[in-house]
Amino acid sequence: MKSTARTNRESVYLQILADLQDRQVFTLQEIASSTAAAHPIVARNIIAELLRQGSLAHAGDQSEPTYRWQTDPAGFDPAQWIRGTISGTTIPESPPGDRPRERLLQQGVERLKLAELFAILIRTGRPGESAVQAGEKLAAQFGNSLEQIPDMGHSELKQISSAVSQPAFCQIMAGIELGRRIDTAREEGLQGRIRITGPGSAMRFCVSKFERLAKDRRQEEFHMVTLDTRNHPLASHCITVGTLRNSLVHPREVFRPAIRDAANCILVVHNHPSGDPTPSEQDIQVTERLESAAEIVGIPLVDHIIVAGNRALSLQEWRSGIR
């Protein structure tokens, strides 16, 4: 049911709009002295909105503000205008079947359209544009390019829809970041269940786990991953940063965290900032030295993976192929 305050408000709007419809041309003074006398500010706001929408226009250069209808006022539907312009500015005032929040609760979030998801984040519309309409504009703009939204600024989104206020912009960006963090946590959870059973699974794990190392780093970094008795990853440790050399990658620095983690075996990985994962002679020497140390310590080295850009190379597989 409508609240008494809302019913009274719509009654005032209807009275003022009916008065405007009776006049093809009118001045603010004429309106102020008629039905709008008790609500002059409301009358001015309605006239300003009708001007903005193009229903009214300024009528010449008279000494006082004068307005005229751009179209036949008899064809103007005040009730529909109120629903779309005044009552329709927030989601709770929409018909129940059109309310995204209610649909989310009743049918599940996966059933909502992209525009409805945007509308929930925007929450409150503006005169002339509801939250749902604003969501439809954003969905039309970014439907095939959602990846662009995180890079958008408030002013850029507001140009698409005036309903994207500062709070709405903050809610959209917070929703995006929350989704990112959930996705990262999910990936880390999956990685915890991955089994390193050979070069293929080792490369897939490293491409996912060390994506930023492969794509963003400008220096070589050497990392070690500890594995449990079922070859599930336990933890990763950065061993050194800089050009890979025997003097930098000392076995004690590699196996100290492995012993602390009670690792059953280890996997090592480093990046090639050049984008080419082909192993150097130094890469091979480091691998052989670690393999020798692994035999002594009793914690086997299952593989050495080199990541570079979108590619990865298994030294175990590479050495088997060239022999």
Protein backbone atom coordinates (compact mmCIF):
# COMPACT_ATOMS: atom_id res chain seq x y z
CA MET A 1 0.00 0.00 0.00
CA LYS A 2 1.08 3.54 -0.68
CA SER A 3 1.94 5.66 2.33
CA THR A 4 -0.30 8.64 3.13
CA ALA A 5 2.58 11.05 2.48
CA ARG A 6 3.23 9.57 -0.96
CA THR A 7 -0.48 9.64 -1.84
CA ASN A 8 -0.70 13.30 -0.83
CA ARG A 9 2.41 14.13 -2.81
CA GLU A 10 1.05 12.55 -5.98
CA SER A 11 -2.25 14.38 -5.45
CA VAL A 12 -0.37 17.71 -5.45
CA TYR A 13 1.50 16.74 -8.64
CA LEU A 14 -1.76 15.77 -10.34
CA GLN A 15 -3.39 19.10 -9.45
CA ILE A 16 -0.47 21.14 -10.78
CA LEU A 17 -0.14 19.09 -13.96
CA ALA A 18 -3.89 19.35 -14.61
CA ASP A 19 -3.62 23.13 -14.29
CA LEU A 20 -0.70 23.20 -16.73
CA GLN A 21 -2.64 21.09 -19.23
CA ASP A 22 -5.41 23.67 -19.28
CA ARG A 23 -2.99 26.30 -20.61
CA GLN A 24 -1.18 26.17 -23.94
CA VAL A 25 0.97 29.14 -22.87
CA PHE A 26 1.46 30.31 -19.28
CA THR A 27 3.74 32.23 -16.94
CA LEU A 28 5.08 31.26 -13.55
CA GLN A 29 2.95 34.00 -12.02
CA GLU A 30 -0.21 32.50 -13.47
CA ILE A 31 0.63 29.07 -12.11
CA ALA A 32 1.68 30.46 -8.73
CA SER A 33 -1.68 32.18 -8.30
CA SER A 34 -3.70 29.07 -9.13
CA THR A 35 -3.67 25.52 -7.80
CA ALA A 36 0.08 25.67 -7.19
CA ALA A 37 -0.17 28.60 -4.78
CA ALA A 38 0.38 26.35 -1.77
CA HIS A 39 3.27 24.52 -3.44
CA PRO A 40 5.27 27.04 -5.53
CA ILE A 41 8.57 25.14 -5.24
CA VAL A 42 6.94 21.89 -6.41
CA ALA A 43 5.41 23.75 -9.37
CA ARG A 44 8.79 25.21 -10.35
CA ASN A 45 10.44 21.78 -10.11
CA ILE A 46 7.75 20.19 -12.30
CA ILE A 47 8.08 22.94 -14.92
CA ALA A 48 11.88 22.60 -14.86
CA GLU A 49 11.63 18.83 -15.40
CA LEU A 50 9.12 19.22 -18.24
CA LEU A 51 11.52 21.71 -19.84
CA ARG A 52 14.40 19.29 -19.48
CA GLN A 53 12.39 16.48 -21.04
CA GLY A 54 11.28 18.68 -23.93
CA SER A 55 7.55 18.67 -23.12
CA LEU A 56 7.70 22.43 -22.48
CA ALA A 57 9.70 25.21 -24.09
CA HIS A 58 10.38 28.85 -23.34
CA ALA A 59 7.91 31.09 -25.17
CA GLY A 60 9.79 34.09 -26.54
CA ASP A 61 11.47 36.98 -24.73
CA GLN A 62 8.69 38.14 -22.46
CA SER A 63 9.56 40.21 -19.40
CA GLU A 64 8.69 37.31 -17.12
CA PRO A 65 9.33 33.58 -17.67
CA THR A 66 6.72 32.21 -20.07
CA TYR A 67 6.30 28.63 -21.22
CA ARG A 68 4.38 26.74 -23.89
CA TRP A 69 3.66 23.11 -24.61
CA GLN A 70 5.77 21.57 -27.37
CA THR A 71 3.05 19.00 -28.07
CA ASP A 72 -0.70 18.81 -27.57
CA PRO A 73 -1.19 18.98 -23.78
CA ALA A 74 -4.35 16.89 -24.14
CA GLY A 75 -2.19 13.92 -25.08
CA PHE A 76 -0.06 14.27 -21.93
CA ASP A 77 -0.77 11.59 -19.28
CA PRO A 78 -0.06 13.07 -15.82
CA ALA A 79 -0.38 9.74 -13.98
CA GLN A 80 2.07 8.01 -16.30
CA TRP A 81 4.49 10.95 -16.05
CA ILE A 82 4.39 10.78 -12.25
CA ARG A 83 5.09 7.03 -12.27
CA GLY A 84 8.02 7.41 -14.67
CA THR A 85 9.50 10.67 -13.43
CA ILE A 86 8.65 11.02 -9.76
CA SER A 87 7.55 7.67 -8.32
CA GLY A 88 9.77 5.64 -10.62
CA THR A 89 13.07 6.99 -9.40
CA THR A 90 13.76 4.28 -6.85
CA ILE A 91 13.56 0.50 -7.04
CA PRO A 92 11.15 0.04 -4.09
CA GLU A 93 8.53 2.18 -5.89
CA SER A 94 8.51 -0.03 -9.01
CA PRO A 95 5.87 -2.76 -9.50
CA PRO A 96 6.83 -5.90 -7.51
CA GLY A 97 7.52 -7.93 -10.64
CA ASP A 98 10.00 -5.31 -11.87
CA ARG A 99 12.00 -5.00 -8.65
CA PRO A 100 15.43 -6.60 -9.09
CA ARG A 101 15.98 -7.10 -5.36
CA GLU A 102 12.72 -9.01 -5.00
CA ARG A 103 13.52 -11.10 -8.06
CA LEU A 104 16.96 -11.88 -6.63
CA LEU A 105 15.45 -13.11 -3.37
CA GLN A 106 12.70 -15.12 -5.05
CA GLN A 107 14.53 -16.53 -8.11
CA GLY A 108 18.23 -16.29 -7.29
CA VAL A 109 20.90 -13.86 -8.44
CA GLU A 110 21.84 -15.98 -11.45
CA ARG A 111 18.40 -15.30 -12.99
CA LEU A 112 18.91 -11.53 -13.04
CA LYS A 113 19.86 -9.69 -16.20
CA LEU A 114 22.97 -7.53 -16.28
CA ALA A 115 20.80 -4.38 -16.19
CA GLU A 116 19.11 -5.60 -13.01
CA LEU A 117 22.45 -6.23 -11.31
CA PHE A 118 23.50 -2.68 -12.13
CA ALA A 119 20.14 -1.37 -10.86
CA ILE A 120 20.62 -3.03 -7.47
CA LEU A 121 24.04 -1.40 -7.13
CA ILE A 122 22.78 2.01 -8.29
CA ARG A 123 19.79 1.63 -5.94
CA THR A 124 18.29 5.11 -6.36
CA GLY A 125 17.45 6.84 -9.61
CA ARG A 126 17.01 10.47 -10.53
CA PRO A 127 14.00 12.45 -11.79
CA GLY A 128 13.36 11.19 -15.29
CA GLU A 129 15.49 8.06 -14.92
CA SER A 130 14.88 5.16 -12.57
CA ALA A 131 17.60 2.89 -11.22
CA VAL A 132 16.38 0.17 -13.60
CA GLN A 133 16.61 2.53 -16.58
CA ALA A 134 20.10 3.53 -15.50
CA GLY A 135 21.03 -0.14 -15.26
CA GLU A 136 19.74 -0.70 -18.80
CA LYS A 137 21.96 2.12 -20.08
CA LEU A 138 25.06 0.67 -18.42
CA ALA A 139 24.21 -2.83 -19.65
CA ALA A 140 23.82 -1.52 -23.21
CA GLN A 141 27.18 0.25 -22.97
CA PHE A 142 29.20 -2.54 -21.34
CA GLY A 143 27.26 -5.71 -22.20
CA ASN A 144 30.10 -7.00 -24.40
CA SER A 145 32.98 -5.30 -22.58
CA LEU A 146 32.50 -5.73 -18.83
CA GLU A 147 36.28 -5.81 -18.39
CA GLN A 148 36.35 -2.05 -19.10
CA ILE A 149 34.25 -1.08 -16.06
CA PRO A 150 37.03 -1.30 -13.41
CA ASP A 151 38.99 1.33 -15.36
CA MET A 152 36.06 3.76 -15.56
CA GLY A 153 35.94 6.89 -13.42
CA HIS A 154 32.87 8.36 -11.77
CA SER A 155 32.50 11.12 -14.35
CA GLU A 156 32.68 8.61 -17.21
CA LEU A 157 29.87 6.44 -15.81
CA LYS A 158 27.81 9.52 -14.94
CA GLN A 159 27.97 10.59 -18.58
CA ILE A 160 26.23 7.34 -19.46
CA SER A 161 23.58 7.76 -16.75
CA SER A 162 22.98 10.70 -14.43
CA ALA A 163 21.72 8.17 -11.84
CA VAL A 164 25.29 7.00 -11.21
CA SER A 165 25.81 9.19 -8.17
CA GLN A 166 28.98 9.11 -6.11
CA PRO A 167 27.52 6.52 -3.67
CA ALA A 168 26.32 4.42 -6.63
CA PHE A 169 29.77 4.59 -8.22
CA CYS A 170 31.37 3.49 -4.94
CA GLN A 171 28.94 0.56 -4.68
CA ILE A 172 29.68 -0.56 -8.24
CA MET A 173 33.45 -0.43 -7.68
CA ALA A 174 33.19 -2.15 -4.31
CA GLY A 175 31.13 -4.93 -5.91
CA ILE A 176 33.78 -5.40 -8.60
CA GLU A 177 36.61 -5.57 -6.07
CA LEU A 178 34.67 -7.98 -3.86
CA GLY A 179 34.12 -10.23 -6.87
CA ARG A 180 37.83 -10.13 -7.64
CA ARG A 181 38.75 -11.11 -4.11
CA ILE A 182 36.23 -13.94 -4.04
CA ASP A 183 37.59 -15.20 -7.36
CA THR A 184 41.15 -15.07 -6.01
CA ALA A 185 40.14 -16.93 -2.87
CA ARG A 186 38.34 -19.56 -4.95
CA GLU A 187 41.41 -20.02 -7.16
CA GLU A 188 43.65 -20.37 -4.14
CA GLY A 189 41.25 -22.94 -2.71
CA LEU A 190 41.35 -24.90 -5.96
CA GLN A 191 45.12 -24.68 -6.09
CA GLY A 192 45.21 -26.21 -2.65
CA ARG A 193 43.51 -29.30 -4.09
CA ILE A 194 45.61 -29.54 -7.25
CA ARG A 195 47.91 -32.54 -7.46
CA ILE A 196 51.25 -32.13 -9.18
CA THR A 197 51.42 -35.46 -10.98
CA GLY A 198 53.74 -34.53 -13.83
CA PRO A 199 55.06 -31.72 -16.03
CA GLY A 200 51.60 -30.88 -17.38
CA SER A 201 49.94 -30.31 -14.01
CA ALA A 202 53.05 -28.52 -12.72
CA MET A 203 52.99 -26.06 -15.63
CA ARG A 204 49.24 -25.46 -15.30
CA PHE A 205 49.63 -24.75 -11.60
CA CYS A 206 52.52 -22.35 -12.12
CA VAL A 207 50.83 -20.46 -14.96
CA SER A 208 47.87 -19.80 -12.65
CA LYS A 209 49.69 -19.31 -9.35
CA PHE A 210 52.53 -17.19 -10.73
CA GLU A 211 50.63 -15.24 -13.41
CA ARG A 212 51.87 -11.86 -12.20
CA LEU A 213 55.41 -13.16 -11.91
CA ALA A 214 55.25 -14.29 -15.54
CA LYS A 215 53.67 -11.15 -16.98
CA ASP A 216 54.54 -8.17 -14.79
CA ARG A 217 57.98 -8.65 -13.24
CA ARG A 218 61.00 -6.97 -14.84
CA GLN A 219 63.54 -9.04 -12.89
CA GLU A 220 64.00 -12.76 -12.52
CA GLU A 221 62.56 -14.21 -9.32
CA PHE A 222 63.07 -17.71 -8.01
CA HIS A 223 60.26 -19.32 -5.97
CA MET A 224 59.86 -22.68 -4.30
CA VAL A 225 56.56 -24.53 -3.71
CA THR A 226 56.30 -27.18 -1.00
CA LEU A 227 54.10 -30.25 -1.63
CA ASP A 228 52.50 -32.71 0.79
CA THR A 229 52.47 -36.51 0.60
CA ARG A 230 49.72 -36.41 -2.05
CA ASN A 231 51.59 -33.78 -4.07
CA HIS A 232 49.13 -31.04 -3.09
CA PRO A 233 50.74 -27.56 -2.87
CA LEU A 234 51.27 -26.44 0.72
CA ALA A 235 52.92 -23.03 0.41
CA SER A 236 55.14 -20.95 -1.87
CA HIS A 237 58.31 -19.09 -0.86
CA CYS A 238 60.29 -16.42 -2.72
CA ILE A 239 63.92 -17.50 -2.54
CA THR A 240 65.72 -14.76 -4.46
CA VAL A 241 65.25 -11.80 -6.80
CA GLY A 242 67.78 -11.09 -9.55
CA THR A 243 69.55 -12.87 -12.38
CA LEU A 244 69.56 -16.60 -11.71
CA ARG A 245 73.00 -17.81 -10.59
CA ASN A 246 74.30 -20.68 -8.51
CA SER A 247 75.60 -18.15 -6.01
CA LEU A 248 72.12 -16.72 -5.48
CA VAL A 249 70.09 -19.93 -5.41
CA HIS A 250 71.84 -21.75 -2.60
CA PRO A 251 70.33 -25.14 -1.65
CA ARG A 252 70.11 -24.22 2.04
CA GLU A 253 67.87 -21.22 1.18
CA VAL A 254 65.64 -23.51 -0.88
CA PHE A 255 65.36 -26.42 1.54
CA ARG A 256 65.16 -24.48 4.83
CA PRO A 257 61.46 -23.52 4.27
CA ALA A 258 60.81 -26.99 2.82
CA ILE A 259 61.96 -28.58 6.09
CA ARG A 260 59.92 -26.06 8.08
CA ASP A 261 56.78 -26.92 6.04
CA ALA A 262 57.45 -30.65 6.53
CA ALA A 263 57.32 -30.97 2.75
CA ASN A 264 57.29 -34.36 1.08
CA CYS A 265 58.78 -32.89 -2.09
CA ILE A 266 59.23 -29.48 -3.76
CA LEU A 267 58.64 -27.69 -7.05
CA VAL A 268 60.72 -24.66 -8.08
CA VAL A 269 59.73 -21.94 -10.53
CA HIS A 270 61.29 -18.80 -11.91
CA ASN A 271 60.39 -16.28 -14.60
CA HIS A 272 62.00 -15.02 -17.79
CA PRO A 273 61.07 -11.34 -18.23
CA SER A 274 62.09 -11.62 -21.91
CA GLY A 275 58.94 -13.66 -22.60
CA ASP A 276 60.95 -16.65 -23.86
CA PRO A 277 60.85 -19.66 -21.48
CA THR A 278 63.76 -21.47 -23.18
CA PRO A 279 66.16 -22.50 -20.37
CA SER A 280 69.66 -21.07 -20.22
CA GLU A 281 72.76 -23.02 -19.30
CA GLN A 282 72.59 -21.36 -15.89
CA ASP A 283 68.99 -22.59 -15.42
CA ILE A 284 70.14 -26.15 -16.10
CA GLN A 285 73.08 -25.90 -13.70
CA VAL A 286 70.90 -24.55 -10.89
CA THR A 287 68.42 -27.39 -11.43
CA GLU A 288 71.11 -30.07 -11.33
CA ARG A 289 72.63 -28.59 -8.17
CA LEU A 290 69.24 -28.59 -6.42
CA GLU A 291 68.57 -32.17 -7.53
CA SER A 292 71.85 -33.26 -5.94
CA ALA A 293 71.01 -31.46 -2.71
CA ALA A 294 67.50 -32.96 -2.76
CA GLU A 295 68.95 -36.48 -2.71
CA ILE A 296 70.97 -35.65 0.38
CA VAL A 297 68.16 -33.86 2.23
CA GLY A 298 65.59 -36.49 1.27
CA ILE A 299 63.07 -34.01 -0.16
CA PRO A 300 62.86 -34.68 -3.93
CA LEU A 301 62.69 -31.89 -6.52
CA VAL A 302 59.80 -32.87 -8.79
CA ASP A 303 60.39 -30.21 -11.46
CA HIS A 304 61.70 -26.75 -12.32
CA ILE A 305 59.16 -24.63 -14.21
CA ILE A 306 60.05 -21.49 -16.18
CA VAL A 307 57.17 -19.06 -16.75
CA ALA A 308 57.26 -16.29 -19.36
CA GLY A 309 54.24 -14.29 -20.48
CA ASN A 310 51.45 -16.77 -21.19
CA ARG A 311 53.83 -19.72 -21.58
CA ALA A 312 55.53 -22.18 -19.27
CA LEU A 313 58.26 -24.77 -19.73
CA SER A 314 59.10 -27.84 -17.65
CA LEU A 315 62.83 -28.47 -17.38
CA GLN A 316 62.09 -32.10 -16.60
CA GLU A 317 60.15 -32.43 -19.85
CA TRP A 318 62.61 -30.30 -21.83
CA ARG A 319 65.64 -32.31 -20.77
CA SER A 320 63.84 -35.57 -21.61
CA GLY A 321 63.08 -34.24 -25.06
CA ILE A 322 66.63 -33.27 -25.96
CA ARG A 323 68.27 -36.43 -24.79
